Amino acid sequence: MAAGGDNLQDPFNILGRGDPLETAALLVLAGHDDPATAYGAVSSQARQAMGLPAVAVAPGAPAELLAIRAGSVREALATATADRVVVHAGRVVARTAVHRHFPDEPQMGRTA
């Protein structure tokens, strides 16, 4: 099974972003797939359905990957962080970084 999403903020998915991690998360939520199966549907199985060669992180394999900060596939789907690096044909083609700044917390109980 392969999966993809073409519902970009339309009546079928008004929050759709065209994000494969979002599509995989929807497979977990609505299709009751486990995270690994859902991720496979939007990655390796989607490549196979499109007639693209399989990829692996190994010497000699085509460098086609999405790198995100997550400790597991489940965490990657749960957070769907925008902090990502996209590699195509061995070159970084997109890099998105999220920077969070939190002002100093007010000190409780102190008066000026």
Protein backbone atom coordinates (compact mmCIF):
# COMPACT_ATOMS: atom_id res chain seq x y z
CA MET A 1 0.00 0.00 0.00
CA ALA A 2 1.23 3.49 -0.85
CA ALA A 3 -0.16 6.78 0.37
CA GLY A 4 0.09 10.42 -0.56
CA GLY A 5 -1.92 13.55 -0.10
CA ASP A 6 -3.13 16.05 -2.64
CA ASN A 7 -5.62 17.73 -0.34
CA LEU A 8 -4.01 21.10 0.18
CA GLN A 9 -6.43 23.10 2.31
CA ASP A 10 -9.46 21.94 0.35
CA PRO A 11 -12.89 20.72 1.54
CA PHE A 12 -11.55 17.18 2.08
CA ASN A 13 -8.72 18.27 4.37
CA ILE A 14 -8.98 21.94 5.20
CA LEU A 15 -5.71 21.81 7.13
CA GLY A 16 -3.79 19.83 4.48
CA ARG A 17 -0.20 20.90 3.91
CA GLY A 18 0.99 18.29 1.41
CA ASP A 19 3.36 16.98 4.07
CA PRO A 20 4.11 13.23 3.91
CA LEU A 21 4.50 13.09 7.69
CA GLU A 22 1.03 14.59 8.04
CA THR A 23 -0.34 11.97 5.62
CA ALA A 24 1.33 9.20 7.62
CA ALA A 25 -0.11 10.61 10.86
CA LEU A 26 -3.57 10.57 9.27
CA LEU A 27 -3.04 6.90 8.37
CA VAL A 28 -2.29 6.20 12.02
CA LEU A 29 -5.28 8.19 13.28
CA ALA A 30 -7.93 7.33 10.70
CA GLY A 31 -6.60 4.10 9.19
CA HIS A 32 -5.38 2.60 12.47
CA ASP A 33 -1.99 1.74 10.97
CA ASP A 34 1.00 1.52 13.24
CA PRO A 35 3.55 4.37 12.75
CA ALA A 36 6.12 2.22 10.90
CA THR A 37 3.54 0.94 8.40
CA ALA A 38 2.13 4.43 7.85
CA TYR A 39 5.59 5.90 7.28
CA GLY A 40 6.44 3.10 4.83
CA ALA A 41 3.29 3.94 2.85
CA VAL A 42 4.42 7.55 2.28
CA SER A 43 8.09 6.73 1.74
CA SER A 44 9.37 3.44 0.30
CA GLN A 45 5.99 2.17 -0.95
CA ALA A 46 5.17 5.56 -2.48
CA ARG A 47 8.51 5.49 -4.35
CA GLN A 48 7.75 1.97 -5.56
CA ALA A 49 4.25 2.99 -6.76
CA MET A 50 5.82 5.85 -8.75
CA GLY A 51 8.39 3.51 -10.33
CA LEU A 52 11.31 5.12 -8.49
CA PRO A 53 14.24 3.02 -7.29
CA ALA A 54 14.39 1.99 -3.65
CA VAL A 55 16.73 3.97 -1.44
CA ALA A 56 18.74 3.13 1.64
CA VAL A 57 21.23 4.93 3.79
CA ALA A 58 24.23 2.97 2.54
CA PRO A 59 27.31 3.49 0.37
CA GLY A 60 26.35 3.62 -3.30
CA ALA A 61 22.63 4.10 -2.63
CA PRO A 62 20.92 7.18 -4.10
CA ALA A 63 20.90 9.92 -1.47
CA GLU A 64 17.18 10.70 -1.31
CA LEU A 65 16.05 11.49 2.19
CA LEU A 66 14.23 13.68 4.63
CA ALA A 67 16.13 14.28 7.86
CA ILE A 68 14.31 15.48 10.96
CA ARG A 69 15.05 15.52 14.67
CA ALA A 70 13.17 12.62 16.23
CA GLY A 71 14.05 9.64 18.35
CA SER A 72 11.65 7.31 16.55
CA VAL A 73 9.21 7.12 13.65
CA ARG A 74 6.36 7.54 16.14
CA GLU A 75 7.93 10.74 17.48
CA ALA A 76 8.52 12.01 13.94
CA LEU A 77 4.83 11.53 13.08
CA ALA A 78 3.62 12.92 16.39
CA THR A 79 5.65 16.13 16.19
CA ALA A 80 5.91 16.56 12.40
CA THR A 81 8.48 19.22 13.14
CA ALA A 82 9.15 21.85 10.51
CA ASP A 83 12.87 21.57 11.37
CA ARG A 84 13.98 19.49 8.34
CA VAL A 85 16.69 18.84 5.78
CA VAL A 86 15.73 17.46 2.35
CA VAL A 87 18.40 15.69 0.28
CA HIS A 88 17.77 14.91 -3.39
CA ALA A 89 20.34 13.26 -5.67
CA GLY A 90 22.94 13.64 -2.94
CA ARG A 91 22.47 17.41 -2.51
CA VAL A 92 20.70 19.39 0.16
CA VAL A 93 17.82 21.02 -1.72
CA ALA A 94 15.88 22.43 1.24
CA ARG A 95 16.60 23.22 4.84
CA THR A 96 14.04 24.54 7.27
CA ALA A 97 14.97 25.56 10.77
CA VAL A 98 12.69 26.51 13.61
CA HIS A 99 14.09 28.93 16.16
CA ARG A 100 12.21 29.43 19.40
CA HIS A 101 12.91 32.29 21.70
CA PHE A 102 11.29 32.49 25.10
CA PRO A 103 11.65 35.74 26.99
CA ASP A 104 12.94 35.52 30.51
CA GLU A 105 10.25 34.20 32.81
CA PRO A 106 8.99 36.72 35.35
CA GLN A 107 10.18 35.92 38.83
CA MET A 108 7.24 34.95 40.98
CA GLY A 109 6.67 36.89 44.19
CA ARG A 110 9.11 39.68 43.38
CA THR A 111 8.00 43.26 43.29
CA ALA A 112 9.91 46.12 41.76
